[in-house]
Amino acid sequence: MDNSVPATAAAETDSQEVELKALITQIREGNQQALAKLYDLTVSRIYGLALRIAGRADAAEEVAEDVFLQIWRSARDYSPERGKVIGWMLTICRSRAIDHLRRRDAAISSEHPEDLAPHPEDDDPQDLLSAAQRNSRLHGAIAQLQPQDRQLLSLAFFRGLTHDEIALHTHLPLGTVKTCLRRALTQLRTQLGGAC
């Protein structure tokens, strides 16, 4: 039995942890580029967990934004002695997602739910049109990706799989998975003008 694959995966996990710790240190010092890089490296896992808990894409996006905002504000709270960076981040995500569910449940069970429901006359047609156009542009950009990149992106963002899980699921080398996802995200950013 070949033990080189698990050893390689463990070494890569250790290497990623060192990188994430370094980024947290830089974020503590107010480095916005470090936050952007941390986001790029971890957003698929954060979004995936948020989606599993919240059950809706729009809620998961909101939760993910809250998570990275909290990380920016409270990077000083991270302590390596208490666990890995990704574990700390996923704990924040879980907490934020549960908070979101509680707020949503409270809104649904309000004494006057009609006060919380959107009123059609309040909807700005321009806002609705803008949202529809953004959605259409995103779907168009995703459709232009190579099939393999589209599949890997779907596994990462919509099923919330980690890079390692995607590699196991697709029987692709981990490096290939990371390269394809990076290429797909770069292509989407280019096509959407940096809006994703």
C-alpha atoms as a PDB file:
ATOM      1  CA  MET A   1       0.000   0.000   0.000  1.00  0.00           C
ATOM      2  CA  ASP A   2       1.343   3.410  -0.995  1.00  0.00           C
ATOM      3  CA  ASN A   3       1.460   5.859   1.934  1.00  0.00           C
ATOM      4  CA  SER A   4       2.910   8.742  -0.098  1.00  0.00           C
ATOM      5  CA  VAL A   5      -0.497  10.260  -0.924  1.00  0.00           C
ATOM      6  CA  PRO A   6      -1.618  10.706   2.715  1.00  0.00           C
ATOM      7  CA  ALA A   7       1.858  11.997   3.639  1.00  0.00           C
ATOM      8  CA  THR A   8       1.721  14.486   0.770  1.00  0.00           C
ATOM      9  CA  ALA A   9      -1.786  15.601   1.780  1.00  0.00           C
ATOM     10  CA  ALA A  10      -0.660  16.025   5.406  1.00  0.00           C
ATOM     11  CA  ALA A  11       2.370  18.065   4.347  1.00  0.00           C
ATOM     12  CA  GLU A  12       0.180  20.251   2.129  1.00  0.00           C
ATOM     13  CA  THR A  13      -2.310  20.741   4.976  1.00  0.00           C
ATOM     14  CA  ASP A  14       0.553  21.781   7.302  1.00  0.00           C
ATOM     15  CA  SER A  15       1.888  24.138   4.635  1.00  0.00           C
ATOM     16  CA  GLN A  16      -1.560  25.693   4.185  1.00  0.00           C
ATOM     17  CA  GLU A  17      -1.923  26.142   7.960  1.00  0.00           C
ATOM     18  CA  VAL A  18       1.408  27.998   8.085  1.00  0.00           C
ATOM     19  CA  GLU A  19       0.182  30.251   5.252  1.00  0.00           C
ATOM     20  CA  LEU A  20      -3.170  30.901   6.939  1.00  0.00           C
ATOM     21  CA  LYS A  21      -1.473  31.757  10.250  1.00  0.00           C
ATOM     22  CA  ALA A  22       0.817  34.192   8.455  1.00  0.00           C
ATOM     23  CA  LEU A  23      -2.198  35.825   6.804  1.00  0.00           C
ATOM     24  CA  ILE A  24      -3.997  36.175  10.156  1.00  0.00           C
ATOM     25  CA  THR A  25      -0.878  37.861  11.562  1.00  0.00           C
ATOM     26  CA  GLN A  26      -0.885  40.310   8.639  1.00  0.00           C
ATOM     27  CA  ILE A  27      -4.626  40.942   9.045  1.00  0.00           C
ATOM     28  CA  ARG A  28      -3.993  41.827  12.700  1.00  0.00           C
ATOM     29  CA  GLU A  29      -1.685  44.533  11.378  1.00  0.00           C
ATOM     30  CA  GLY A  30      -4.433  45.888   9.100  1.00  0.00           C
ATOM     31  CA  ASN A  31      -3.217  44.353   5.830  1.00  0.00           C
ATOM     32  CA  GLN A  32      -6.211  44.295   3.462  1.00  0.00           C
ATOM     33  CA  GLN A  33      -4.344  42.268   0.810  1.00  0.00           C
ATOM     34  CA  ALA A  34      -3.867  39.529   3.407  1.00  0.00           C
ATOM     35  CA  LEU A  35      -7.627  39.477   4.001  1.00  0.00           C
ATOM     36  CA  ALA A  36      -8.220  39.236   0.240  1.00  0.00           C
ATOM     37  CA  LYS A  37      -5.803  36.317  -0.019  1.00  0.00           C
ATOM     38  CA  LEU A  38      -7.364  34.592   3.008  1.00  0.00           C
ATOM     39  CA  TYR A  39     -10.743  35.058   1.324  1.00  0.00           C
ATOM     40  CA  ASP A  40      -9.505  33.505  -1.937  1.00  0.00           C
ATOM     41  CA  LEU A  41      -8.024  30.515  -0.101  1.00  0.00           C
ATOM     42  CA  THR A  42     -10.984  29.783   2.167  1.00  0.00           C
ATOM     43  CA  VAL A  43     -14.214  31.233   0.763  1.00  0.00           C
ATOM     44  CA  SER A  44     -15.344  27.960  -0.788  1.00  0.00           C
ATOM     45  CA  ARG A  45     -15.243  26.204   2.592  1.00  0.00           C
ATOM     46  CA  ILE A  46     -16.889  29.103   4.420  1.00  0.00           C
ATOM     47  CA  TYR A  47     -19.612  29.473   1.805  1.00  0.00           C
ATOM     48  CA  GLY A  48     -20.147  25.702   1.666  1.00  0.00           C
ATOM     49  CA  LEU A  49     -20.709  25.417   5.419  1.00  0.00           C
ATOM     50  CA  ALA A  50     -22.944  28.498   5.442  1.00  0.00           C
ATOM     51  CA  LEU A  51     -25.003  27.025   2.605  1.00  0.00           C
ATOM     52  CA  ARG A  52     -25.382  23.705   4.410  1.00  0.00           C
ATOM     53  CA  ILE A  53     -26.642  25.425   7.566  1.00  0.00           C
ATOM     54  CA  ALA A  54     -28.652  28.308   6.084  1.00  0.00           C
ATOM     55  CA  GLY A  55     -30.014  26.300   3.165  1.00  0.00           C
ATOM     56  CA  ARG A  56     -30.188  29.239   0.756  1.00  0.00           C
ATOM     57  CA  ALA A  57     -27.549  30.779  -1.488  1.00  0.00           C
ATOM     58  CA  ASP A  58     -28.453  34.382  -0.638  1.00  0.00           C
ATOM     59  CA  ALA A  59     -28.250  33.615   3.089  1.00  0.00           C
ATOM     60  CA  ALA A  60     -24.934  31.786   2.639  1.00  0.00           C
ATOM     61  CA  GLU A  61     -23.476  34.793   0.791  1.00  0.00           C
ATOM     62  CA  GLU A  62     -24.568  37.097   3.600  1.00  0.00           C
ATOM     63  CA  VAL A  63     -23.137  34.775   6.247  1.00  0.00           C
ATOM     64  CA  ALA A  64     -19.818  34.487   4.367  1.00  0.00           C
ATOM     65  CA  GLU A  65     -19.564  38.299   4.191  1.00  0.00           C
ATOM     66  CA  ASP A  66     -20.235  38.480   7.941  1.00  0.00           C
ATOM     67  CA  VAL A  67     -17.556  35.861   8.618  1.00  0.00           C
ATOM     68  CA  PHE A  68     -14.818  37.734   6.762  1.00  0.00           C
ATOM     69  CA  LEU A  69     -15.895  41.025   8.320  1.00  0.00           C
ATOM     70  CA  GLN A  70     -15.636  39.443  11.762  1.00  0.00           C
ATOM     71  CA  ILE A  71     -12.225  37.994  10.906  1.00  0.00           C
ATOM     72  CA  TRP A  72     -11.061  41.461   9.866  1.00  0.00           C
ATOM     73  CA  ARG A  73     -12.331  42.938  13.126  1.00  0.00           C
ATOM     74  CA  SER A  74     -11.267  40.157  15.491  1.00  0.00           C
ATOM     75  CA  ALA A  75      -8.130  38.571  14.036  1.00  0.00           C
ATOM     76  CA  ARG A  76      -6.476  39.341  17.378  1.00  0.00           C
ATOM     77  CA  ASP A  77      -8.828  36.814  19.007  1.00  0.00           C
ATOM     78  CA  TYR A  78      -7.335  33.896  17.090  1.00  0.00           C
ATOM     79  CA  SER A  79      -5.064  31.754  19.244  1.00  0.00           C
ATOM     80  CA  PRO A  80      -3.005  28.963  17.608  1.00  0.00           C
ATOM     81  CA  GLU A  81      -3.089  27.021  20.880  1.00  0.00           C
ATOM     82  CA  ARG A  82      -6.860  26.585  20.528  1.00  0.00           C
ATOM     83  CA  GLY A  83      -6.780  25.054  17.037  1.00  0.00           C
ATOM     84  CA  LYS A  84      -6.161  25.563  13.353  1.00  0.00           C
ATOM     85  CA  VAL A  85      -7.073  28.769  11.545  1.00  0.00           C
ATOM     86  CA  ILE A  86      -9.637  27.056   9.312  1.00  0.00           C
ATOM     87  CA  GLY A  87     -11.279  25.492  12.376  1.00  0.00           C
ATOM     88  CA  TRP A  88     -11.554  28.930  13.992  1.00  0.00           C
ATOM     89  CA  MET A  89     -13.020  30.358  10.790  1.00  0.00           C
ATOM     90  CA  LEU A  90     -15.535  27.523  10.417  1.00  0.00           C
ATOM     91  CA  THR A  91     -16.593  28.012  14.048  1.00  0.00           C
ATOM     92  CA  ILE A  92     -17.279  31.686  13.305  1.00  0.00           C
ATOM     93  CA  CYS A  93     -19.181  30.645  10.183  1.00  0.00           C
ATOM     94  CA  ARG A  94     -21.297  28.119  12.055  1.00  0.00           C
ATOM     95  CA  SER A  95     -22.146  30.708  14.704  1.00  0.00           C
ATOM     96  CA  ARG A  96     -23.060  33.349  12.107  1.00  0.00           C
ATOM     97  CA  ALA A  97     -25.170  30.888  10.106  1.00  0.00           C
ATOM     98  CA  ILE A  98     -27.073  29.780  13.202  1.00  0.00           C
ATOM     99  CA  ASP A  99     -27.620  33.429  14.164  1.00  0.00           C
ATOM    100  CA  HIS A 100     -28.996  34.020  10.681  1.00  0.00           C
ATOM    101  CA  LEU A 101     -31.417  31.086  11.043  1.00  0.00           C
ATOM    102  CA  ARG A 102     -32.579  32.354  14.432  1.00  0.00           C
ATOM    103  CA  ARG A 103     -33.233  35.835  13.028  1.00  0.00           C
ATOM    104  CA  ARG A 104     -35.108  34.334  10.094  1.00  0.00           C
ATOM    105  CA  ASP A 105     -37.162  32.070  12.376  1.00  0.00           C
ATOM    106  CA  ALA A 106     -37.952  34.998  14.658  1.00  0.00           C
ATOM    107  CA  ALA A 107     -39.086  37.040  11.667  1.00  0.00           C
ATOM    108  CA  ILE A 108     -41.307  34.224  10.442  1.00  0.00           C
ATOM    109  CA  SER A 109     -42.902  33.750  13.860  1.00  0.00           C
ATOM    110  CA  SER A 110     -43.453  37.477  14.432  1.00  0.00           C
ATOM    111  CA  GLU A 111     -46.875  38.486  15.721  1.00  0.00           C
ATOM    112  CA  HIS A 112     -47.353  40.614  12.633  1.00  0.00           C
ATOM    113  CA  PRO A 113     -45.682  38.749   9.764  1.00  0.00           C
ATOM    114  CA  GLU A 114     -47.372  41.032   7.245  1.00  0.00           C
ATOM    115  CA  ASP A 115     -45.111  43.832   8.517  1.00  0.00           C
ATOM    116  CA  LEU A 116     -42.041  41.785   7.562  1.00  0.00           C
ATOM    117  CA  ALA A 117     -43.169  40.638   4.132  1.00  0.00           C
ATOM    118  CA  PRO A 118     -41.947  42.685   1.187  1.00  0.00           C
ATOM    119  CA  HIS A 119     -44.599  44.879  -0.325  1.00  0.00           C
ATOM    120  CA  PRO A 120     -44.676  44.662  -4.127  1.00  0.00           C
ATOM    121  CA  GLU A 121     -45.320  48.374  -4.402  1.00  0.00           C
ATOM    122  CA  ASP A 122     -42.054  49.030  -2.514  1.00  0.00           C
ATOM    123  CA  ASP A 123     -39.935  47.071  -4.991  1.00  0.00           C
ATOM    124  CA  ASP A 124     -37.959  49.400  -7.185  1.00  0.00           C
ATOM    125  CA  PRO A 125     -38.163  48.091 -10.770  1.00  0.00           C
ATOM    126  CA  GLN A 126     -34.603  49.305 -11.367  1.00  0.00           C
ATOM    127  CA  ASP A 127     -33.359  47.183  -8.412  1.00  0.00           C
ATOM    128  CA  LEU A 128     -35.218  44.143  -9.712  1.00  0.00           C
ATOM    129  CA  LEU A 129     -33.795  44.679 -13.200  1.00  0.00           C
ATOM    130  CA  SER A 130     -30.249  45.090 -11.845  1.00  0.00           C
ATOM    131  CA  ALA A 131     -30.540  41.884  -9.805  1.00  0.00           C
ATOM    132  CA  ALA A 132     -31.847  39.973 -12.825  1.00  0.00           C
ATOM    133  CA  GLN A 133     -29.025  41.303 -15.009  1.00  0.00           C
ATOM    134  CA  ARG A 134     -26.358  40.332 -12.448  1.00  0.00           C
ATOM    135  CA  ASN A 135     -27.839  36.849 -12.179  1.00  0.00           C
ATOM    136  CA  SER A 136     -27.941  36.509 -15.961  1.00  0.00           C
ATOM    137  CA  ARG A 137     -24.337  37.716 -16.328  1.00  0.00           C
ATOM    138  CA  LEU A 138     -23.137  35.254 -13.686  1.00  0.00           C
ATOM    139  CA  HIS A 139     -24.912  32.316 -15.323  1.00  0.00           C
ATOM    140  CA  GLY A 140     -23.530  33.361 -18.708  1.00  0.00           C
ATOM    141  CA  ALA A 141     -19.994  33.604 -17.319  1.00  0.00           C
ATOM    142  CA  ILE A 142     -20.267  30.193 -15.643  1.00  0.00           C
ATOM    143  CA  ALA A 143     -21.586  28.667 -18.874  1.00  0.00           C
ATOM    144  CA  GLN A 144     -18.429  29.865 -20.684  1.00  0.00           C
ATOM    145  CA  LEU A 145     -16.121  27.957 -18.322  1.00  0.00           C
ATOM    146  CA  GLN A 146     -14.540  24.704 -19.425  1.00  0.00           C
ATOM    147  CA  PRO A 147     -16.774  21.779 -18.362  1.00  0.00           C
ATOM    148  CA  GLN A 148     -14.247  20.449 -15.856  1.00  0.00           C
ATOM    149  CA  ASP A 149     -13.759  23.891 -14.292  1.00  0.00           C
ATOM    150  CA  ARG A 150     -17.533  24.353 -14.093  1.00  0.00           C
ATOM    151  CA  GLN A 151     -17.900  20.972 -12.351  1.00  0.00           C
ATOM    152  CA  LEU A 152     -15.142  21.710  -9.829  1.00  0.00           C
ATOM    153  CA  LEU A 153     -16.553  25.178  -9.126  1.00  0.00           C
ATOM    154  CA  SER A 154     -19.956  23.620  -8.515  1.00  0.00           C
ATOM    155  CA  LEU A 155     -18.493  21.070  -6.099  1.00  0.00           C
ATOM    156  CA  ALA A 156     -16.635  23.790  -4.210  1.00  0.00           C
ATOM    157  CA  PHE A 157     -19.304  26.468  -3.981  1.00  0.00           C
ATOM    158  CA  PHE A 158     -22.625  24.683  -4.180  1.00  0.00           C
ATOM    159  CA  ARG A 159     -21.775  21.437  -2.409  1.00  0.00           C
ATOM    160  CA  GLY A 160     -19.215  23.025  -0.094  1.00  0.00           C
ATOM    161  CA  LEU A 161     -16.500  20.423  -0.658  1.00  0.00           C
ATOM    162  CA  THR A 162     -12.911  21.158   0.311  1.00  0.00           C
ATOM    163  CA  HIS A 163     -10.122  20.889  -2.254  1.00  0.00           C
ATOM    164  CA  ASP A 164      -9.148  17.507  -0.786  1.00  0.00           C
ATOM    165  CA  GLU A 165     -12.738  16.250  -0.953  1.00  0.00           C
ATOM    166  CA  ILE A 166     -13.045  17.412  -4.569  1.00  0.00           C
ATOM    167  CA  ALA A 167      -9.820  15.585  -5.463  1.00  0.00           C
ATOM    168  CA  LEU A 168     -11.160  12.383  -3.890  1.00  0.00           C
ATOM    169  CA  HIS A 169     -14.584  12.801  -5.508  1.00  0.00           C
ATOM    170  CA  THR A 170     -13.236  13.466  -9.005  1.00  0.00           C
ATOM    171  CA  HIS A 171     -10.103  11.280  -8.811  1.00  0.00           C
ATOM    172  CA  LEU A 172      -7.999  14.279  -9.874  1.00  0.00           C
ATOM    173  CA  PRO A 173      -4.678  15.302  -8.326  1.00  0.00           C
ATOM    174  CA  LEU A 174      -5.059  17.971  -5.650  1.00  0.00           C
ATOM    175  CA  GLY A 175      -2.815  20.373  -7.573  1.00  0.00           C
ATOM    176  CA  THR A 176      -5.029  20.032 -10.655  1.00  0.00           C
ATOM    177  CA  VAL A 177      -8.133  20.789  -8.591  1.00  0.00           C
ATOM    178  CA  LYS A 178      -6.551  23.943  -7.156  1.00  0.00           C
ATOM    179  CA  THR A 179      -5.278  25.085 -10.559  1.00  0.00           C
ATOM    180  CA  CYS A 180      -8.669  24.554 -12.210  1.00  0.00           C
ATOM    181  CA  LEU A 181     -10.530  26.391  -9.452  1.00  0.00           C
ATOM    182  CA  ARG A 182      -8.070  29.290  -9.528  1.00  0.00           C
ATOM    183  CA  ARG A 183      -8.397  29.492 -13.325  1.00  0.00           C
ATOM    184  CA  ALA A 184     -12.215  29.383 -13.113  1.00  0.00           C
ATOM    185  CA  LEU A 185     -12.378  32.141 -10.501  1.00  0.00           C
ATOM    186  CA  THR A 186      -9.944  34.299 -12.458  1.00  0.00           C
ATOM    187  CA  GLN A 187     -12.012  33.849 -15.611  1.00  0.00           C
ATOM    188  CA  LEU A 188     -15.230  34.735 -13.763  1.00  0.00           C
ATOM    189  CA  ARG A 189     -13.636  37.846 -12.248  1.00  0.00           C
ATOM    190  CA  THR A 190     -12.442  38.923 -15.690  1.00  0.00           C
ATOM    191  CA  GLN A 191     -15.820  38.343 -17.336  1.00  0.00           C
ATOM    192  CA  LEU A 192     -17.747  40.031 -14.544  1.00  0.00           C
ATOM    193  CA  GLY A 193     -15.387  42.967 -14.222  1.00  0.00           C
ATOM    194  CA  GLY A 194     -14.066  42.009 -10.777  1.00  0.00           C
ATOM    195  CA  ALA A 195     -17.570  41.830  -9.269  1.00  0.00           C
ATOM    196  CA  CYS A 196     -17.342  38.202  -8.076  1.00  0.00           C
END
